[in-house]
Amino acid sequence: MMIQSKGVTNSQHKNGLCIAQRRGGKETLVQWSNGDQRWIPSEDIDGKIVLVGGAYDYDEI
């Protein structure tokens, strides 16, 4: 499921995939269509968060 971030203004950061979450779900690792990956606040994500691939809980490290 492709997502958009309300907090990211870079036009290249569209159509991201949610890969993982940390801090009790407050931050989500998103990979954008241009290959960039960033941790962004989960509340800034437009729509429902669905983790793809080998979803990993970074709080368990």
PDB file of N, CA and C in Angstrom:
ATOM      1  N   MET A   1       0.847  -1.173   0.000  1.00  0.00           N
ATOM      2  CA  MET A   1       0.000   0.000   0.000  1.00  0.00           C
ATOM      3  C   MET A   1       0.892   1.236   0.000  1.00  0.00           C
ATOM      4  N   MET A   2       0.735   2.083  -0.960  1.00  0.00           N
ATOM      5  CA  MET A   2       1.508   3.313  -1.059  1.00  0.00           C
ATOM      6  C   MET A   2       0.928   4.369  -0.129  1.00  0.00           C
ATOM      7  N   ILE A   3       1.806   5.092   0.547  1.00  0.00           N
ATOM      8  CA  ILE A   3       1.354   6.124   1.470  1.00  0.00           C
ATOM      9  C   ILE A   3       1.960   7.467   1.088  1.00  0.00           C
ATOM     10  N   GLN A   4       1.407   8.504   1.640  1.00  0.00           N
ATOM     11  CA  GLN A   4       1.922   9.868   1.506  1.00  0.00           C
ATOM     12  C   GLN A   4       2.186  10.387   2.908  1.00  0.00           C
ATOM     13  N   SER A   5       3.165  11.257   3.048  1.00  0.00           N
ATOM     14  CA  SER A   5       3.464  11.879   4.330  1.00  0.00           C
ATOM     15  C   SER A   5       3.032  13.331   4.308  1.00  0.00           C
ATOM     16  N   LYS A   6       2.319  13.738   5.357  1.00  0.00           N
ATOM     17  CA  LYS A   6       1.903  15.138   5.463  1.00  0.00           C
ATOM     18  C   LYS A   6       3.089  16.035   5.802  1.00  0.00           C
ATOM     19  N   GLY A   7       4.114  15.480   6.467  1.00  0.00           N
ATOM     20  CA  GLY A   7       5.236  16.273   6.941  1.00  0.00           C
ATOM     21  C   GLY A   7       6.389  16.408   5.964  1.00  0.00           C
ATOM     22  N   VAL A   8       6.403  15.630   4.894  1.00  0.00           N
ATOM     23  CA  VAL A   8       7.498  15.661   3.923  1.00  0.00           C
ATOM     24  C   VAL A   8       7.088  16.541   2.753  1.00  0.00           C
ATOM     25  N   THR A   9       7.936  17.519   2.453  1.00  0.00           N
ATOM     26  CA  THR A   9       7.603  18.455   1.374  1.00  0.00           C
ATOM     27  C   THR A   9       8.360  18.168   0.083  1.00  0.00           C
ATOM     28  N   ASN A  10       9.348  17.278   0.117  1.00  0.00           N
ATOM     29  CA  ASN A  10      10.130  16.941  -1.062  1.00  0.00           C
ATOM     30  C   ASN A  10       9.243  16.197  -2.063  1.00  0.00           C
ATOM     31  N   SER A  11       9.145  16.710  -3.276  1.00  0.00           N
ATOM     32  CA  SER A  11       8.270  16.095  -4.280  1.00  0.00           C
ATOM     33  C   SER A  11       8.724  14.688  -4.665  1.00  0.00           C
ATOM     34  N   GLN A  12       9.994  14.354  -4.403  1.00  0.00           N
ATOM     35  CA  GLN A  12      10.483  13.008  -4.716  1.00  0.00           C
ATOM     36  C   GLN A  12      10.054  11.998  -3.652  1.00  0.00           C
ATOM     37  N   HIS A  13       9.518  12.469  -2.546  1.00  0.00           N
ATOM     38  CA  HIS A  13       9.085  11.583  -1.469  1.00  0.00           C
ATOM     39  C   HIS A  13       7.581  11.366  -1.550  1.00  0.00           C
ATOM     40  N   LYS A  14       7.186  10.699  -2.626  1.00  0.00           N
ATOM     41  CA  LYS A  14       5.794  10.309  -2.839  1.00  0.00           C
ATOM     42  C   LYS A  14       5.739   8.793  -2.938  1.00  0.00           C
ATOM     43  N   ASN A  15       4.587   8.256  -2.720  1.00  0.00           N
ATOM     44  CA  ASN A  15       4.358   6.818  -2.908  1.00  0.00           C
ATOM     45  C   ASN A  15       5.353   5.972  -2.124  1.00  0.00           C
ATOM     46  N   GLY A  16       5.330   6.134  -0.819  1.00  0.00           N
ATOM     47  CA  GLY A  16       6.230   5.375   0.044  1.00  0.00           C
ATOM     48  C   GLY A  16       5.608   4.085   0.544  1.00  0.00           C
ATOM     49  N   LEU A  17       6.469   3.152   0.942  1.00  0.00           N
ATOM     50  CA  LEU A  17       6.053   1.902   1.552  1.00  0.00           C
ATOM     51  C   LEU A  17       6.497   1.889   3.001  1.00  0.00           C
ATOM     52  N   CYS A  18       5.614   1.485   3.897  1.00  0.00           N
ATOM     53  CA  CYS A  18       5.950   1.379   5.324  1.00  0.00           C
ATOM     54  C   CYS A  18       6.659   0.052   5.546  1.00  0.00           C
ATOM     55  N   ILE A  19       7.873   0.124   6.077  1.00  0.00           N
ATOM     56  CA  ILE A  19       8.693  -1.071   6.232  1.00  0.00           C
ATOM     57  C   ILE A  19       8.710  -1.577   7.664  1.00  0.00           C
ATOM     58  N   ALA A  20       8.817  -0.670   8.629  1.00  0.00           N
ATOM     59  CA  ALA A  20       8.922  -1.072  10.032  1.00  0.00           C
ATOM     60  C   ALA A  20       8.472   0.076  10.919  1.00  0.00           C
ATOM     61  N   GLN A  21       8.281  -0.239  12.208  1.00  0.00           N
ATOM     62  CA  GLN A  21       7.942   0.797  13.171  1.00  0.00           C
ATOM     63  C   GLN A  21       8.833   0.658  14.395  1.00  0.00           C
ATOM     64  N   ARG A  22       8.974   1.775  15.124  1.00  0.00           N
ATOM     65  CA  ARG A  22       9.723   1.773  16.376  1.00  0.00           C
ATOM     66  C   ARG A  22       9.062   2.764  17.332  1.00  0.00           C
ATOM     67  N   ARG A  23       9.565   2.791  18.562  1.00  0.00           N
ATOM     68  CA  ARG A  23       9.037   3.677  19.597  1.00  0.00           C
ATOM     69  C   ARG A  23       7.542   3.475  19.806  1.00  0.00           C
ATOM     70  N   GLY A  24       7.174   2.214  19.917  1.00  0.00           N
ATOM     71  CA  GLY A  24       5.784   1.885  20.178  1.00  0.00           C
ATOM     72  C   GLY A  24       4.839   2.297  19.066  1.00  0.00           C
ATOM     73  N   GLY A  25       5.331   2.306  17.833  1.00  0.00           N
ATOM     74  CA  GLY A  25       4.507   2.667  16.685  1.00  0.00           C
ATOM     75  C   GLY A  25       4.452   4.156  16.406  1.00  0.00           C
ATOM     76  N   LYS A  26       5.202   4.950  17.170  1.00  0.00           N
ATOM     77  CA  LYS A  26       5.183   6.401  16.973  1.00  0.00           C
ATOM     78  C   LYS A  26       6.010   6.845  15.771  1.00  0.00           C
ATOM     79  N   GLU A  27       6.964   6.018  15.326  1.00  0.00           N
ATOM     80  CA  GLU A  27       7.765   6.328  14.145  1.00  0.00           C
ATOM     81  C   GLU A  27       7.682   5.161  13.175  1.00  0.00           C
ATOM     82  N   THR A  28       7.624   5.489  11.893  1.00  0.00           N
ATOM     83  CA  THR A  28       7.514   4.474  10.846  1.00  0.00           C
ATOM     84  C   THR A  28       8.636   4.680   9.840  1.00  0.00           C
ATOM     85  N   LEU A  29       9.305   3.584   9.483  1.00  0.00           N
ATOM     86  CA  LEU A  29      10.341   3.624   8.451  1.00  0.00           C
ATOM     87  C   LEU A  29       9.656   3.498   7.102  1.00  0.00           C
ATOM     88  N   VAL A  30       9.855   4.523   6.267  1.00  0.00           N
ATOM     89  CA  VAL A  30       9.215   4.562   4.953  1.00  0.00           C
ATOM     90  C   VAL A  30      10.293   4.550   3.884  1.00  0.00           C
ATOM     91  N   GLN A  31      10.093   3.723   2.864  1.00  0.00           N
ATOM     92  CA  GLN A  31      10.968   3.759   1.695  1.00  0.00           C
ATOM     93  C   GLN A  31      10.174   4.381   0.569  1.00  0.00           C
ATOM     94  N   TRP A  32      10.742   5.442  -0.010  1.00  0.00           N
ATOM     95  CA  TRP A  32      10.080   6.183  -1.080  1.00  0.00           C
ATOM     96  C   TRP A  32      10.427   5.585  -2.424  1.00  0.00           C
ATOM     97  N   SER A  33       9.669   5.933  -3.432  1.00  0.00           N
ATOM     98  CA  SER A  33       9.857   5.384  -4.777  1.00  0.00           C
ATOM     99  C   SER A  33      11.223   5.722  -5.364  1.00  0.00           C
ATOM    100  N   ASN A  34      11.892   6.776  -4.841  1.00  0.00           N
ATOM    101  CA  ASN A  34      13.225   7.133  -5.339  1.00  0.00           C
ATOM    102  C   ASN A  34      14.335   6.388  -4.601  1.00  0.00           C
ATOM    103  N   GLY A  35      13.981   5.496  -3.654  1.00  0.00           N
ATOM    104  CA  GLY A  35      14.967   4.687  -2.946  1.00  0.00           C
ATOM    105  C   GLY A  35      15.335   5.198  -1.563  1.00  0.00           C
ATOM    106  N   ASP A  36      15.021   6.444  -1.241  1.00  0.00           N
ATOM    107  CA  ASP A  36      15.304   6.990   0.092  1.00  0.00           C
ATOM    108  C   ASP A  36      14.493   6.266   1.148  1.00  0.00           C
ATOM    109  N   GLN A  37      15.105   6.116   2.335  1.00  0.00           N
ATOM    110  CA  GLN A  37      14.404   5.574   3.497  1.00  0.00           C
ATOM    111  C   GLN A  37      14.537   6.574   4.631  1.00  0.00           C
ATOM    112  N   ARG A  38      13.439   6.802   5.353  1.00  0.00           N
ATOM    113  CA  ARG A  38      13.464   7.736   6.479  1.00  0.00           C
ATOM    114  C   ARG A  38      12.488   7.288   7.553  1.00  0.00           C
ATOM    115  N   TRP A  39      12.862   7.566   8.804  1.00  0.00           N
ATOM    116  CA  TRP A  39      11.937   7.410   9.914  1.00  0.00           C
ATOM    117  C   TRP A  39      11.119   8.690   9.993  1.00  0.00           C
ATOM    118  N   ILE A  40       9.807   8.560   9.938  1.00  0.00           N
ATOM    119  CA  ILE A  40       8.944   9.727  10.043  1.00  0.00           C
ATOM    120  C   ILE A  40       7.904   9.471  11.128  1.00  0.00           C
ATOM    121  N   PRO A  41       7.386  10.526  11.749  1.00  0.00           N
ATOM    122  CA  PRO A  41       6.339  10.335  12.756  1.00  0.00           C
ATOM    123  C   PRO A  41       5.118   9.654  12.127  1.00  0.00           C
ATOM    124  N   SER A  42       4.629   8.634  12.772  1.00  0.00           N
ATOM    125  CA  SER A  42       3.488   7.887  12.232  1.00  0.00           C
ATOM    126  C   SER A  42       2.262   8.771  12.070  1.00  0.00           C
ATOM    127  N   GLU A  43       2.124   9.769  12.918  1.00  0.00           N
ATOM    128  CA  GLU A  43       0.956  10.649  12.826  1.00  0.00           C
ATOM    129  C   GLU A  43       0.980  11.510  11.557  1.00  0.00           C
ATOM    130  N   ASP A  44       2.142  11.612  10.906  1.00  0.00           N
ATOM    131  CA  ASP A  44       2.261  12.391   9.667  1.00  0.00           C
ATOM    132  C   ASP A  44       1.878  11.593   8.423  1.00  0.00           C
ATOM    133  N   ILE A  45       1.570  10.320   8.599  1.00  0.00           N
ATOM    134  CA  ILE A  45       1.244   9.479   7.447  1.00  0.00           C
ATOM    135  C   ILE A  45      -0.241   9.590   7.138  1.00  0.00           C
ATOM    136  N   ASP A  46      -0.518   9.882   5.888  1.00  0.00           N
ATOM    137  CA  ASP A  46      -1.893   9.963   5.398  1.00  0.00           C
ATOM    138  C   ASP A  46      -2.405   8.553   5.129  1.00  0.00           C
ATOM    139  N   GLY A  47      -3.474   8.164   5.736  1.00  0.00           N
ATOM    140  CA  GLY A  47      -4.068   6.857   5.474  1.00  0.00           C
ATOM    141  C   GLY A  47      -3.629   5.810   6.480  1.00  0.00           C
ATOM    142  N   LYS A  48      -4.012   4.585   6.200  1.00  0.00           N
ATOM    143  CA  LYS A  48      -3.750   3.451   7.074  1.00  0.00           C
ATOM    144  C   LYS A  48      -2.322   2.941   6.891  1.00  0.00           C
ATOM    145  N   ILE A  49      -1.642   2.646   7.999  1.00  0.00           N
ATOM    146  CA  ILE A  49      -0.276   2.119   7.948  1.00  0.00           C
ATOM    147  C   ILE A  49      -0.344   0.597   7.868  1.00  0.00           C
ATOM    148  N   VAL A  50       0.242   0.055   6.801  1.00  0.00           N
ATOM    149  CA  VAL A  50       0.349  -1.387   6.614  1.00  0.00           C
ATOM    150  C   VAL A  50       1.813  -1.688   6.349  1.00  0.00           C
ATOM    151  N   LEU A  51       2.444  -2.470   7.233  1.00  0.00           N
ATOM    152  CA  LEU A  51       3.857  -2.817   7.058  1.00  0.00           C
ATOM    153  C   LEU A  51       3.986  -3.890   5.983  1.00  0.00           C
ATOM    154  N   VAL A  52       4.987  -3.739   5.113  1.00  0.00           N
ATOM    155  CA  VAL A  52       5.203  -4.693   4.026  1.00  0.00           C
ATOM    156  C   VAL A  52       6.482  -5.474   4.258  1.00  0.00           C
ATOM    157  N   GLY A  53       6.592  -6.589   3.599  1.00  0.00           N
ATOM    158  CA  GLY A  53       7.812  -7.386   3.652  1.00  0.00           C
ATOM    159  C   GLY A  53       8.036  -8.006   5.011  1.00  0.00           C
ATOM    160  N   GLY A  54       9.291  -8.155   5.375  1.00  0.00           N
ATOM    161  CA  GLY A  54       9.668  -8.740   6.654  1.00  0.00           C
ATOM    162  C   GLY A  54       9.588  -7.697   7.754  1.00  0.00           C
ATOM    163  N   ALA A  55       8.391  -7.313   8.105  1.00  0.00           N
ATOM    164  CA  ALA A  55       8.188  -6.269   9.119  1.00  0.00           C
ATOM    165  C   ALA A  55       8.929  -6.628  10.404  1.00  0.00           C
ATOM    166  N   TYR A  56       9.651  -5.675  10.938  1.00  0.00           N
ATOM    167  CA  TYR A  56      10.501  -5.888  12.095  1.00  0.00           C
ATOM    168  C   TYR A  56      10.199  -4.842  13.144  1.00  0.00           C
ATOM    169  N   ASP A  57      10.062  -5.265  14.383  1.00  0.00           N
ATOM    170  CA  ASP A  57       9.785  -4.340  15.483  1.00  0.00           C
ATOM    171  C   ASP A  57      11.110  -3.883  16.069  1.00  0.00           C
ATOM    172  N   TYR A  58      11.499  -2.648  15.797  1.00  0.00           N
ATOM    173  CA  TYR A  58      12.778  -2.121  16.241  1.00  0.00           C
ATOM    174  C   TYR A  58      12.833  -1.888  17.739  1.00  0.00           C
ATOM    175  N   ASP A  59      11.703  -1.933  18.435  1.00  0.00           N
ATOM    176  CA  ASP A  59      11.692  -1.780  19.891  1.00  0.00           C
ATOM    177  C   ASP A  59      12.237  -3.019  20.594  1.00  0.00           C
ATOM    178  N   GLU A  60      12.310  -4.133  19.883  1.00  0.00           N
ATOM    179  CA  GLU A  60      12.758  -5.383  20.497  1.00  0.00           C
ATOM    180  C   GLU A  60      14.246  -5.602  20.437  1.00  0.00           C
ATOM    181  N   ILE A  61      14.989  -4.677  19.879  1.00  0.00           N
ATOM    182  CA  ILE A  61      16.452  -4.834  19.749  1.00  0.00           C
ATOM    183  C   ILE A  61      17.092  -4.696  21.124  1.00  0.00           C
TER     184      ILE A  61
END
